């Protein structure tokens, strides 16, 4: 899946660096967390859905430690948000995925991540 972006010739050269480096620190932090952890929840703290996702993961004794809006990664793969993680928990699929051999590129099969 590719996110649609404006073609480079439709972006003023003076702002190209601003666009390419916008929130780079956050992107780098998310990439590092996803690479190093089996489960990562990424989002904004004020959004109620991350709390719902964290609550579901905590109840299943699987907590990533990421306290923001639910953008949930399992072994480096985005699985969705609160509703999707609950579906995977209810079906037992999340436990199966976590029990499978670690396949996070450069990562480990841990259950924690950096908190924002």
PDB file of N, CA and C in Angstrom:
ATOM      1  N   UNK A   1       0.860  -1.168   0.000  1.00  0.00           N
ATOM      2  CA  UNK A   1       0.000   0.000   0.000  1.00  0.00           C
ATOM      3  C   UNK A   1       0.905   1.228   0.000  1.00  0.00           C
ATOM      4  N   UNK A   2       0.637   2.133  -0.895  1.00  0.00           N
ATOM      5  CA  UNK A   2       1.448   3.343  -0.994  1.00  0.00           C
ATOM      6  C   UNK A   2       0.567   4.552  -0.709  1.00  0.00           C
ATOM      7  N   UNK A   3       1.048   5.425   0.180  1.00  0.00           N
ATOM      8  CA  UNK A   3       0.318   6.642   0.506  1.00  0.00           C
ATOM      9  C   UNK A   3       0.485   7.630  -0.633  1.00  0.00           C
ATOM     10  N   UNK A   4      -0.623   8.220  -1.125  1.00  0.00           N
ATOM     11  CA  UNK A   4      -0.494   9.194  -2.214  1.00  0.00           C
ATOM     12  C   UNK A   4       0.179  10.474  -1.715  1.00  0.00           C
ATOM     13  N   UNK A   5       1.151  10.924  -2.455  1.00  0.00           N
ATOM     14  CA  UNK A   5       1.869  12.157  -2.145  1.00  0.00           C
ATOM     15  C   UNK A   5       1.869  13.037  -3.379  1.00  0.00           C
ATOM     16  N   UNK A   6       2.020  14.323  -3.154  1.00  0.00           N
ATOM     17  CA  UNK A   6       2.154  15.224  -4.294  1.00  0.00           C
ATOM     18  C   UNK A   6       3.447  14.906  -5.022  1.00  0.00           C
ATOM     19  N   UNK A   7       3.435  14.964  -6.344  1.00  0.00           N
ATOM     20  CA  UNK A   7       4.693  14.780  -7.086  1.00  0.00           C
ATOM     21  C   UNK A   7       5.675  15.884  -6.692  1.00  0.00           C
ATOM     22  N   UNK A   8       6.939  15.553  -6.683  1.00  0.00           N
ATOM     23  CA  UNK A   8       7.966  16.503  -6.253  1.00  0.00           C
ATOM     24  C   UNK A   8       7.906  17.811  -7.035  1.00  0.00           C
ATOM     25  N   UNK A   9       7.555  17.761  -8.334  1.00  0.00           N
ATOM     26  CA  UNK A   9       7.501  18.985  -9.132  1.00  0.00           C
ATOM     27  C   UNK A   9       6.336  19.893  -8.735  1.00  0.00           C
ATOM     28  N   UNK A  10       5.441  19.413  -7.869  1.00  0.00           N
ATOM     29  CA  UNK A  10       4.326  20.239  -7.389  1.00  0.00           C
ATOM     30  C   UNK A  10       4.556  20.726  -5.967  1.00  0.00           C
ATOM     31  N   UNK A  11       5.785  20.520  -5.446  1.00  0.00           N
ATOM     32  CA  UNK A  11       6.163  21.000  -4.121  1.00  0.00           C
ATOM     33  C   UNK A  11       7.303  21.991  -4.304  1.00  0.00           C
ATOM     34  N   UNK A  12       7.124  23.192  -3.766  1.00  0.00           N
ATOM     35  CA  UNK A  12       8.143  24.221  -3.893  1.00  0.00           C
ATOM     36  C   UNK A  12       9.463  23.715  -3.316  1.00  0.00           C
ATOM     37  N   UNK A  13      10.573  23.912  -4.029  1.00  0.00           N
ATOM     38  CA  UNK A  13      11.868  23.430  -3.553  1.00  0.00           C
ATOM     39  C   UNK A  13      12.224  23.940  -2.154  1.00  0.00           C
ATOM     40  N   UNK A  14      11.749  25.125  -1.803  1.00  0.00           N
ATOM     41  CA  UNK A  14      12.079  25.709  -0.502  1.00  0.00           C
ATOM     42  C   UNK A  14      11.474  24.935   0.669  1.00  0.00           C
ATOM     43  N   UNK A  15      10.436  24.152   0.413  1.00  0.00           N
ATOM     44  CA  UNK A  15       9.804  23.431   1.526  1.00  0.00           C
ATOM     45  C   UNK A  15       9.985  21.917   1.449  1.00  0.00           C
ATOM     46  N   UNK A  16      10.678  21.426   0.464  1.00  0.00           N
ATOM     47  CA  UNK A  16      10.858  19.974   0.321  1.00  0.00           C
ATOM     48  C   UNK A  16      11.555  19.360   1.534  1.00  0.00           C
ATOM     49  N   UNK A  17      12.596  20.034   2.040  1.00  0.00           N
ATOM     50  CA  UNK A  17      13.291  19.507   3.215  1.00  0.00           C
ATOM     51  C   UNK A  17      12.378  19.496   4.440  1.00  0.00           C
ATOM     52  N   UNK A  18      11.531  20.511   4.559  1.00  0.00           N
ATOM     53  CA  UNK A  18      10.589  20.554   5.688  1.00  0.00           C
ATOM     54  C   UNK A  18       9.659  19.353   5.636  1.00  0.00           C
ATOM     55  N   UNK A  19       9.137  19.057   4.462  1.00  0.00           N
ATOM     56  CA  UNK A  19       8.226  17.930   4.300  1.00  0.00           C
ATOM     57  C   UNK A  19       8.945  16.606   4.566  1.00  0.00           C
ATOM     58  N   UNK A  20      10.125  16.440   4.006  1.00  0.00           N
ATOM     59  CA  UNK A  20      10.822  15.160   4.151  1.00  0.00           C
ATOM     60  C   UNK A  20      11.314  14.915   5.565  1.00  0.00           C
ATOM     61  N   UNK A  21      11.525  15.974   6.343  1.00  0.00           N
ATOM     62  CA  UNK A  21      12.009  15.786   7.711  1.00  0.00           C
ATOM     63  C   UNK A  21      10.922  16.011   8.759  1.00  0.00           C
ATOM     64  N   UNK A  22       9.688  16.251   8.323  1.00  0.00           N
ATOM     65  CA  UNK A  22       8.592  16.515   9.258  1.00  0.00           C
ATOM     66  C   UNK A  22       8.400  15.339  10.207  1.00  0.00           C
ATOM     67  N   UNK A  23       8.533  15.603  11.490  1.00  0.00           N
ATOM     68  CA  UNK A  23       8.362  14.594  12.544  1.00  0.00           C
ATOM     69  C   UNK A  23       9.277  13.394  12.352  1.00  0.00           C
ATOM     70  N   UNK A  24      10.442  13.615  11.765  1.00  0.00           N
ATOM     71  CA  UNK A  24      11.374  12.511  11.523  1.00  0.00           C
ATOM     72  C   UNK A  24      11.746  11.800  12.812  1.00  0.00           C
ATOM     73  N   UNK A  25      11.855  12.565  13.921  1.00  0.00           N
ATOM     74  CA  UNK A  25      12.198  11.953  15.197  1.00  0.00           C
ATOM     75  C   UNK A  25      11.147  10.943  15.633  1.00  0.00           C
ATOM     76  N   UNK A  26       9.885  11.257  15.374  1.00  0.00           N
ATOM     77  CA  UNK A  26       8.797  10.342  15.739  1.00  0.00           C
ATOM     78  C   UNK A  26       8.820   9.116  14.827  1.00  0.00           C
ATOM     79  N   UNK A  27       9.031   9.346  13.531  1.00  0.00           N
ATOM     80  CA  UNK A  27       9.113   8.224  12.585  1.00  0.00           C
ATOM     81  C   UNK A  27      10.259   7.302  12.986  1.00  0.00           C
ATOM     82  N   UNK A  28      11.415   7.873  13.326  1.00  0.00           N
ATOM     83  CA  UNK A  28      12.563   7.068  13.742  1.00  0.00           C
ATOM     84  C   UNK A  28      12.264   6.285  15.012  1.00  0.00           C
ATOM     85  N   UNK A  29      11.580   6.926  15.961  1.00  0.00           N
ATOM     86  CA  UNK A  29      11.237   6.261  17.220  1.00  0.00           C
ATOM     87  C   UNK A  29      10.279   5.090  16.975  1.00  0.00           C
ATOM     88  N   UNK A  30       9.284   5.299  16.126  1.00  0.00           N
ATOM     89  CA  UNK A  30       8.333   4.228  15.801  1.00  0.00           C
ATOM     90  C   UNK A  30       9.056   3.084  15.088  1.00  0.00           C
ATOM     91  N   UNK A  31       9.898   3.414  14.123  1.00  0.00           N
ATOM     92  CA  UNK A  31      10.632   2.370  13.404  1.00  0.00           C
ATOM     93  C   UNK A  31      11.503   1.550  14.357  1.00  0.00           C
ATOM     94  N   UNK A  32      12.171   2.218  15.299  1.00  0.00           N
ATOM     95  CA  UNK A  32      13.016   1.507  16.262  1.00  0.00           C
ATOM     96  C   UNK A  32      12.175   0.618  17.181  1.00  0.00           C
ATOM     97  N   UNK A  33      11.035   1.121  17.615  1.00  0.00           N
ATOM     98  CA  UNK A  33      10.165   0.328  18.492  1.00  0.00           C
ATOM     99  C   UNK A  33       9.611  -0.883  17.761  1.00  0.00           C
ATOM    100  N   UNK A  34       9.181  -0.698  16.526  1.00  0.00           N
ATOM    101  CA  UNK A  34       8.629  -1.804  15.733  1.00  0.00           C
ATOM    102  C   UNK A  34       9.716  -2.837  15.445  1.00  0.00           C
ATOM    103  N   UNK A  35      10.926  -2.387  15.185  1.00  0.00           N
ATOM    104  CA  UNK A  35      12.025  -3.317  14.902  1.00  0.00           C
ATOM    105  C   UNK A  35      12.432  -4.109  16.136  1.00  0.00           C
ATOM    106  N   UNK A  36      12.241  -3.531  17.314  1.00  0.00           N
ATOM    107  CA  UNK A  36      12.729  -4.174  18.522  1.00  0.00           C
ATOM    108  C   UNK A  36      11.695  -4.843  19.396  1.00  0.00           C
ATOM    109  N   UNK A  37      10.427  -4.825  18.998  1.00  0.00           N
ATOM    110  CA  UNK A  37       9.382  -5.366  19.857  1.00  0.00           C
ATOM    111  C   UNK A  37       8.331  -6.100  19.047  1.00  0.00           C
ATOM    112  N   UNK A  38       7.790  -7.148  19.634  1.00  0.00           N
ATOM    113  CA  UNK A  38       6.765  -7.935  18.953  1.00  0.00           C
ATOM    114  C   UNK A  38       5.442  -7.186  18.873  1.00  0.00           C
ATOM    115  N   UNK A  39       5.116  -6.380  19.883  1.00  0.00           N
ATOM    116  CA  UNK A  39       3.854  -5.633  19.909  1.00  0.00           C
ATOM    117  C   UNK A  39       4.166  -4.180  20.213  1.00  0.00           C
ATOM    118  N   UNK A  40       3.658  -3.277  19.382  1.00  0.00           N
ATOM    119  CA  UNK A  40       3.850  -1.843  19.580  1.00  0.00           C
ATOM    120  C   UNK A  40       2.523  -1.150  19.301  1.00  0.00           C
ATOM    121  N   UNK A  41       2.099  -0.264  20.208  1.00  0.00           N
ATOM    122  CA  UNK A  41       0.912   0.561  20.007  1.00  0.00           C
ATOM    123  C   UNK A  41       1.413   1.990  19.863  1.00  0.00           C
ATOM    124  N   UNK A  42       1.075   2.636  18.755  1.00  0.00           N
ATOM    125  CA  UNK A  42       1.534   3.991  18.474  1.00  0.00           C
ATOM    126  C   UNK A  42       0.323   4.897  18.409  1.00  0.00           C
ATOM    127  N   UNK A  43       0.379   6.067  19.036  1.00  0.00           N
ATOM    128  CA  UNK A  43      -0.754   6.962  18.921  1.00  0.00           C
ATOM    129  C   UNK A  43      -0.657   8.195  19.777  1.00  0.00           C
ATOM    130  N   UNK A  44      -1.772   8.913  19.875  1.00  0.00           N
ATOM    131  CA  UNK A  44      -1.844  10.141  20.648  1.00  0.00           C
ATOM    132  C   UNK A  44      -2.531   9.846  21.977  1.00  0.00           C
ATOM    133  N   UNK A  45      -1.914  10.315  23.047  1.00  0.00           N
ATOM    134  CA  UNK A  45      -2.358   9.994  24.401  1.00  0.00           C
ATOM    135  C   UNK A  45      -3.816  10.365  24.664  1.00  0.00           C
ATOM    136  N   UNK A  46      -4.300  11.462  24.113  1.00  0.00           N
ATOM    137  CA  UNK A  46      -5.652  11.924  24.406  1.00  0.00           C
ATOM    138  C   UNK A  46      -6.746  11.113  23.700  1.00  0.00           C
ATOM    139  N   UNK A  47      -6.378  10.300  22.732  1.00  0.00           N
ATOM    140  CA  UNK A  47      -7.344   9.488  21.997  1.00  0.00           C
ATOM    141  C   UNK A  47      -7.782   8.315  22.872  1.00  0.00           C
ATOM    142  N   UNK A  48      -9.095   8.032  23.022  1.00  0.00           N
ATOM    143  CA  UNK A  48      -9.545   6.952  23.892  1.00  0.00           C
ATOM    144  C   UNK A  48      -9.236   5.556  23.355  1.00  0.00           C
ATOM    145  N   UNK A  49      -9.028   5.418  22.079  1.00  0.00           N
ATOM    146  CA  UNK A  49      -8.795   4.090  21.506  1.00  0.00           C
ATOM    147  C   UNK A  49      -7.472   3.463  21.938  1.00  0.00           C
ATOM    148  N   UNK A  50      -6.396   4.241  22.142  1.00  0.00           N
ATOM    149  CA  UNK A  50      -5.172   3.604  22.637  1.00  0.00           C
ATOM    150  C   UNK A  50      -5.372   3.000  24.013  1.00  0.00           C
ATOM    151  N   UNK A  51      -6.119   3.714  24.871  1.00  0.00           N
ATOM    152  CA  UNK A  51      -6.391   3.166  26.206  1.00  0.00           C
ATOM    153  C   UNK A  51      -7.147   1.855  26.090  1.00  0.00           C
ATOM    154  N   UNK A  52      -8.104   1.790  25.161  1.00  0.00           N
ATOM    155  CA  UNK A  52      -8.865   0.563  24.950  1.00  0.00           C
ATOM    156  C   UNK A  52      -7.948  -0.568  24.471  1.00  0.00           C
ATOM    157  N   UNK A  53      -7.060  -0.242  23.524  1.00  0.00           N
ATOM    158  CA  UNK A  53      -6.122  -1.252  23.024  1.00  0.00           C
ATOM    159  C   UNK A  53      -5.178  -1.698  24.133  1.00  0.00           C
ATOM    160  N   UNK A  54      -4.640  -0.734  24.914  1.00  0.00           N
ATOM    161  CA  UNK A  54      -3.740  -1.085  26.010  1.00  0.00           C
ATOM    162  C   UNK A  54      -4.451  -1.936  27.049  1.00  0.00           C
ATOM    163  N   UNK A  55      -5.700  -1.590  27.356  1.00  0.00           N
ATOM    164  CA  UNK A  55      -6.476  -2.358  28.335  1.00  0.00           C
ATOM    165  C   UNK A  55      -6.650  -3.803  27.861  1.00  0.00           C
ATOM    166  N   UNK A  56      -6.975  -3.985  26.587  1.00  0.00           N
ATOM    167  CA  UNK A  56      -7.144  -5.338  26.039  1.00  0.00           C
ATOM    168  C   UNK A  56      -5.828  -6.102  26.095  1.00  0.00           C
ATOM    169  N   UNK A  57      -4.722  -5.440  25.742  1.00  0.00           N
ATOM    170  CA  UNK A  57      -3.417  -6.098  25.780  1.00  0.00           C
ATOM    171  C   UNK A  57      -2.984  -6.397  27.214  1.00  0.00           C
ATOM    172  N   UNK A  58      -3.262  -5.483  28.138  1.00  0.00           N
ATOM    173  CA  UNK A  58      -2.916  -5.706  29.540  1.00  0.00           C
ATOM    174  C   UNK A  58      -3.694  -6.889  30.097  1.00  0.00           C
ATOM    175  N   UNK A  59      -4.978  -6.980  29.775  1.00  0.00           N
ATOM    176  CA  UNK A  59      -5.794  -8.099  30.237  1.00  0.00           C
ATOM    177  C   UNK A  59      -5.258  -9.429  29.728  1.00  0.00           C
ATOM    178  N   UNK A  60      -4.659  -9.409  28.560  1.00  0.00           N
ATOM    179  CA  UNK A  60      -4.075 -10.629  27.981  1.00  0.00           C
ATOM    180  C   UNK A  60      -2.609 -10.782  28.390  1.00  0.00           C
ATOM    181  N   UNK A  61      -2.147  -9.906  29.304  1.00  0.00           N
ATOM    182  CA  UNK A  61      -0.761  -9.894  29.767  1.00  0.00           C
ATOM    183  C   UNK A  61       0.229  -9.683  28.614  1.00  0.00           C
ATOM    184  N   UNK A  62      -0.194  -8.887  27.642  1.00  0.00           N
ATOM    185  CA  UNK A  62       0.656  -8.494  26.513  1.00  0.00           C
ATOM    186  C   UNK A  62       0.579  -6.976  26.455  1.00  0.00           C
ATOM    187  N   UNK A  63       1.621  -6.291  26.889  1.00  0.00           N
ATOM    188  CA  UNK A  63       1.559  -4.827  26.869  1.00  0.00           C
ATOM    189  C   UNK A  63       2.803  -4.265  26.239  1.00  0.00           C
ATOM    190  N   UNK A  64       2.598  -3.424  25.253  1.00  0.00           N
ATOM    191  CA  UNK A  64       3.710  -2.843  24.524  1.00  0.00           C
ATOM    192  C   UNK A  64       4.297  -1.633  25.221  1.00  0.00           C
ATOM    193  N   UNK A  65       3.542  -0.975  26.085  1.00  0.00           N
ATOM    194  CA  UNK A  65       4.036   0.199  26.773  1.00  0.00           C
ATOM    195  C   UNK A  65       3.924   1.486  25.980  1.00  0.00           C
ATOM    196  N   UNK A  66       3.342   1.451  24.791  1.00  0.00           N
ATOM    197  CA  UNK A  66       3.232   2.655  23.984  1.00  0.00           C
ATOM    198  C   UNK A  66       1.879   3.304  24.244  1.00  0.00           C
ATOM    199  N   UNK A  67       1.830   4.471  24.932  1.00  0.00           N
ATOM    200  CA  UNK A  67       0.569   5.024  25.423  1.00  0.00           C
ATOM    201  C   UNK A  67      -0.141   5.999  24.492  1.00  0.00           C
ATOM    202  N   UNK A  68      -0.192   5.726  23.213  1.00  0.00           N
ATOM    203  CA  UNK A  68      -0.801   6.687  22.312  1.00  0.00           C
ATOM    204  C   UNK A  68      -1.752   6.015  21.340  1.00  0.00           C
ATOM    205  N   UNK A  69      -2.326   6.750  20.378  1.00  0.00           N
ATOM    206  CA  UNK A  69      -3.432   6.233  19.561  1.00  0.00           C
ATOM    207  C   UNK A  69      -3.125   4.874  18.969  1.00  0.00           C
ATOM    208  N   UNK A  70      -4.119   4.031  18.795  1.00  0.00           N
ATOM    209  CA  UNK A  70      -3.763   2.675  18.410  1.00  0.00           C
ATOM    210  C   UNK A  70      -3.381   2.533  16.958  1.00  0.00           C
ATOM    211  N   UNK A  71      -2.106   2.346  16.791  1.00  0.00           N
ATOM    212  CA  UNK A  71      -1.528   1.892  15.543  1.00  0.00           C
ATOM    213  C   UNK A  71      -0.697   0.719  16.024  1.00  0.00           C
ATOM    214  N   UNK A  72      -1.256  -0.471  15.935  1.00  0.00           N
ATOM    215  CA  UNK A  72      -0.680  -1.623  16.615  1.00  0.00           C
ATOM    216  C   UNK A  72       0.093  -2.490  15.628  1.00  0.00           C
ATOM    217  N   UNK A  73       1.339  -2.769  15.990  1.00  0.00           N
ATOM    218  CA  UNK A  73       2.225  -3.608  15.198  1.00  0.00           C
ATOM    219  C   UNK A  73       2.472  -4.900  15.969  1.00  0.00           C
ATOM    220  N   UNK A  74       2.404  -6.017  15.294  1.00  0.00           N
ATOM    221  CA  UNK A  74       2.745  -7.305  15.886  1.00  0.00           C
ATOM    222  C   UNK A  74       3.855  -7.905  15.038  1.00  0.00           C
ATOM    223  N   UNK A  75       5.000  -8.087  15.664  1.00  0.00           N
ATOM    224  CA  UNK A  75       6.183  -8.608  14.974  1.00  0.00           C
ATOM    225  C   UNK A  75       6.480  -7.815  13.701  1.00  0.00           C
ATOM    226  N   UNK A  76       6.357  -6.491  13.813  1.00  0.00           N
ATOM    227  CA  UNK A  76       6.698  -5.616  12.710  1.00  0.00           C
ATOM    228  C   UNK A  76       5.607  -5.390  11.699  1.00  0.00           C
ATOM    229  N   UNK A  77       4.432  -5.998  11.899  1.00  0.00           N
ATOM    230  CA  UNK A  77       3.335  -5.875  10.942  1.00  0.00           C
ATOM    231  C   UNK A  77       2.203  -5.074  11.580  1.00  0.00           C
ATOM    232  N   UNK A  78       1.750  -4.024  10.910  1.00  0.00           N
ATOM    233  CA  UNK A  78       0.620  -3.243  11.398  1.00  0.00           C
ATOM    234  C   UNK A  78      -0.629  -4.102  11.320  1.00  0.00           C
ATOM    235  N   UNK A  79      -1.274  -4.324  12.477  1.00  0.00           N
ATOM    236  CA  UNK A  79      -2.481  -5.143  12.490  1.00  0.00           C
ATOM    237  C   UNK A  79      -3.747  -4.312  12.641  1.00  0.00           C
ATOM    238  N   UNK A  80      -3.604  -3.018  12.886  1.00  0.00           N
ATOM    239  CA  UNK A  80      -4.762  -2.143  13.007  1.00  0.00           C
ATOM    240  C   UNK A  80      -4.795  -1.449  14.351  1.00  0.00           C
ATOM    241  N   UNK A  81      -6.014  -1.220  14.855  1.00  0.00           N
ATOM    242  CA  UNK A  81      -6.194  -0.508  16.112  1.00  0.00           C
ATOM    243  C   UNK A  81      -6.876  -1.347  17.165  1.00  0.00           C
ATOM    244  N   UNK A  82      -7.631  -0.686  18.033  1.00  0.00           N
ATOM    245  CA  UNK A  82      -8.251  -1.348  19.184  1.00  0.00           C
ATOM    246  C   UNK A  82      -9.203  -2.469  18.770  1.00  0.00           C
ATOM    247  N   UNK A  83     -10.050  -2.226  17.794  1.00  0.00           N
ATOM    248  CA  UNK A  83     -11.019  -3.251  17.376  1.00  0.00           C
ATOM    249  C   UNK A  83     -10.310  -4.464  16.786  1.00  0.00           C
ATOM    250  N   UNK A  84      -9.263  -4.212  16.002  1.00  0.00           N
ATOM    251  CA  UNK A  84      -8.542  -5.315  15.367  1.00  0.00           C
ATOM    252  C   UNK A  84      -7.766  -6.142  16.387  1.00  0.00           C
ATOM    253  N   UNK A  85      -7.145  -5.473  17.359  1.00  0.00           N
ATOM    254  CA  UNK A  85      -6.410  -6.226  18.376  1.00  0.00           C
ATOM    255  C   UNK A  85      -7.376  -7.043  19.232  1.00  0.00           C
ATOM    256  N   UNK A  86      -8.547  -6.494  19.515  1.00  0.00           N
ATOM    257  CA  UNK A  86      -9.532  -7.251  20.294  1.00  0.00           C
ATOM    258  C   UNK A  86      -9.999  -8.483  19.518  1.00  0.00           C
ATOM    259  N   UNK A  87     -10.211  -8.327  18.209  1.00  0.00           N
ATOM    260  CA  UNK A  87     -10.621  -9.461  17.372  1.00  0.00           C
ATOM    261  C   UNK A  87      -9.552 -10.547  17.389  1.00  0.00           C
ATOM    262  N   UNK A  88      -8.275 -10.137  17.264  1.00  0.00           N
ATOM    263  CA  UNK A  88      -7.184 -11.110  17.293  1.00  0.00           C
ATOM    264  C   UNK A  88      -7.056 -11.775  18.660  1.00  0.00           C
ATOM    265  N   UNK A  89      -7.274 -11.011  19.735  1.00  0.00           N
ATOM    266  CA  UNK A  89      -7.244 -11.597  21.079  1.00  0.00           C
ATOM    267  C   UNK A  89      -8.379 -12.598  21.261  1.00  0.00           C
ATOM    268  N   UNK A  90      -9.585 -12.197  20.866  1.00  0.00           N
ATOM    269  CA  UNK A  90     -10.762 -13.058  21.037  1.00  0.00           C
ATOM    270  C   UNK A  90     -10.643 -14.362  20.260  1.00  0.00           C
ATOM    271  N   UNK A  91     -10.053 -14.292  19.079  1.00  0.00           N
ATOM    272  CA  UNK A  91      -9.947 -15.483  18.237  1.00  0.00           C
ATOM    273  C   UNK A  91      -8.750 -16.361  18.602  1.00  0.00           C
ATOM    274  N   UNK A  92      -7.853 -15.821  19.439  1.00  0.00           N
ATOM    275  CA  UNK A  92      -6.642 -16.560  19.771  1.00  0.00           C
ATOM    276  C   UNK A  92      -5.531 -16.373  18.767  1.00  0.00           C
ATOM    277  N   UNK A  93      -5.799 -15.622  17.697  1.00  0.00           N
ATOM    278  CA  UNK A  93      -4.814 -15.420  16.641  1.00  0.00           C
ATOM    279  C   UNK A  93      -3.608 -14.623  17.133  1.00  0.00           C
ATOM    280  N   UNK A  94      -3.812 -13.663  18.030  1.00  0.00           N
ATOM    281  CA  UNK A  94      -2.683 -12.877  18.516  1.00  0.00           C
ATOM    282  C   UNK A  94      -1.712 -13.773  19.281  1.00  0.00           C
ATOM    283  N   UNK A  95      -2.218 -14.638  20.128  1.00  0.00           N
ATOM    284  CA  UNK A  95      -1.357 -15.563  20.867  1.00  0.00           C
ATOM    285  C   UNK A  95      -0.593 -16.469  19.904  1.00  0.00           C
ATOM    286  N   UNK A  96      -1.262 -16.940  18.850  1.00  0.00           N
ATOM    287  CA  UNK A  96      -0.582 -17.784  17.860  1.00  0.00           C
ATOM    288  C   UNK A  96       0.532 -17.020  17.161  1.00  0.00           C
ATOM    289  N   UNK A  97       0.258 -15.772  16.788  1.00  0.00           N
ATOM    290  CA  UNK A  97       1.281 -14.971  16.110  1.00  0.00           C
ATOM    291  C   UNK A  97       2.478 -14.719  17.022  1.00  0.00           C
ATOM    292  N   UNK A  98       2.196 -14.459  18.301  1.00  0.00           N
ATOM    293  CA  UNK A  98       3.288 -14.182  19.227  1.00  0.00           C
ATOM    294  C   UNK A  98       4.083 -15.441  19.564  1.00  0.00           C
ATOM    295  N   UNK A  99       3.449 -16.602  19.500  1.00  0.00           N
ATOM    296  CA  UNK A  99       4.137 -17.861  19.784  1.00  0.00           C
ATOM    297  C   UNK A  99       5.001 -18.321  18.616  1.00  0.00           C
ATOM    298  N   UNK A 100       4.710 -17.817  17.432  1.00  0.00           N
ATOM    299  CA  UNK A 100       5.496 -18.189  16.247  1.00  0.00           C
ATOM    300  C   UNK A 100       6.918 -17.651  16.401  1.00  0.00           C
ATOM    301  N   UNK A 101       7.878 -18.278  15.739  1.00  0.00           N
ATOM    302  CA  UNK A 101       9.265 -17.792  15.831  1.00  0.00           C
ATOM    303  C   UNK A 101       9.357 -16.309  15.476  1.00  0.00           C
ATOM    304  N   UNK A 102      10.236 -15.621  16.166  1.00  0.00           N
ATOM    305  CA  UNK A 102      10.425 -14.178  15.933  1.00  0.00           C
ATOM    306  C   UNK A 102      10.862 -13.935  14.505  1.00  0.00           C
ATOM    307  N   UNK A 103      10.171 -13.016  13.847  1.00  0.00           N
ATOM    308  CA  UNK A 103      10.531 -12.682  12.470  1.00  0.00           C
ATOM    309  C   UNK A 103      10.583 -11.182  12.270  1.00  0.00           C
ATOM    310  N   UNK A 104      10.762 -10.441  13.386  1.00  0.00           N
ATOM    311  CA  UNK A 104      10.892  -8.992  13.286  1.00  0.00           C
ATOM    312  C   UNK A 104      12.294  -8.694  12.782  1.00  0.00           C
ATOM    313  N   UNK A 105      12.427  -8.048  11.607  1.00  0.00           N
ATOM    314  CA  UNK A 105      13.759  -7.760  11.072  1.00  0.00           C
ATOM    315  C   UNK A 105      14.588  -6.982  12.083  1.00  0.00           C
ATOM    316  N   UNK A 106      15.702  -7.551  12.495  1.00  0.00           N
ATOM    317  CA  UNK A 106      16.594  -6.892  13.429  1.00  0.00           C
ATOM    318  C   UNK A 106      16.031  -6.768  14.819  1.00  0.00           C
ATOM    319  N   UNK A 107      14.928  -7.429  15.110  1.00  0.00           N
ATOM    320  CA  UNK A 107      14.286  -7.257  16.399  1.00  0.00           C
ATOM    321  C   UNK A 107      14.266  -8.508  17.231  1.00  0.00           C
ATOM    322  N   UNK A 108      13.451  -8.447  18.284  1.00  0.00           N
ATOM    323  CA  UNK A 108      13.283  -9.579  19.163  1.00  0.00           C
ATOM    324  C   UNK A 108      11.808  -9.752  19.423  1.00  0.00           C
ATOM    325  N   UNK A 109      11.432 -10.825  20.043  1.00  0.00           N
ATOM    326  CA  UNK A 109      10.023 -11.101  20.280  1.00  0.00           C
ATOM    327  C   UNK A 109       9.582 -10.614  21.648  1.00  0.00           C
ATOM    328  N   UNK A 110      10.048  -9.460  22.081  1.00  0.00           N
ATOM    329  CA  UNK A 110       9.686  -8.926  23.389  1.00  0.00           C
ATOM    330  C   UNK A 110       8.300  -8.349  23.399  1.00  0.00           C
ATOM    331  N   UNK A 111       7.830  -7.976  24.596  1.00  0.00           N
ATOM    332  CA  UNK A 111       6.481  -7.431  24.741  1.00  0.00           C
ATOM    333  C   UNK A 111       6.491  -6.001  25.260  1.00  0.00           C
ATOM    334  N   UNK A 112       7.593  -5.297  25.150  1.00  0.00           N
ATOM    335  CA  UNK A 112       7.615  -3.936  25.633  1.00  0.00           C
ATOM    336  C   UNK A 112       8.119  -3.005  24.547  1.00  0.00           C
ATOM    337  N   UNK A 113       7.801  -1.721  24.724  1.00  0.00           N
ATOM    338  CA  UNK A 113       8.262  -0.708  23.773  1.00  0.00           C
ATOM    339  C   UNK A 113       8.445   0.594  24.500  1.00  0.00           C
ATOM    340  N   UNK A 114       9.125   1.486  23.871  1.00  0.00           N
ATOM    341  CA  UNK A 114       9.327   2.809  24.450  1.00  0.00           C
ATOM    342  C   UNK A 114       7.999   3.533  24.585  1.00  0.00           C
ATOM    343  N   UNK A 115       7.839   4.248  25.675  1.00  0.00           N
ATOM    344  CA  UNK A 115       6.611   5.025  25.899  1.00  0.00           C
ATOM    345  C   UNK A 115       6.859   6.470  25.546  1.00  0.00           C
ATOM    346  N   UNK A 116       5.831   7.142  25.070  1.00  0.00           N
ATOM    347  CA  UNK A 116       5.927   8.571  24.768  1.00  0.00           C
ATOM    348  C   UNK A 116       5.321   9.322  25.912  1.00  0.00           C
TER     349      UNK A 116
END
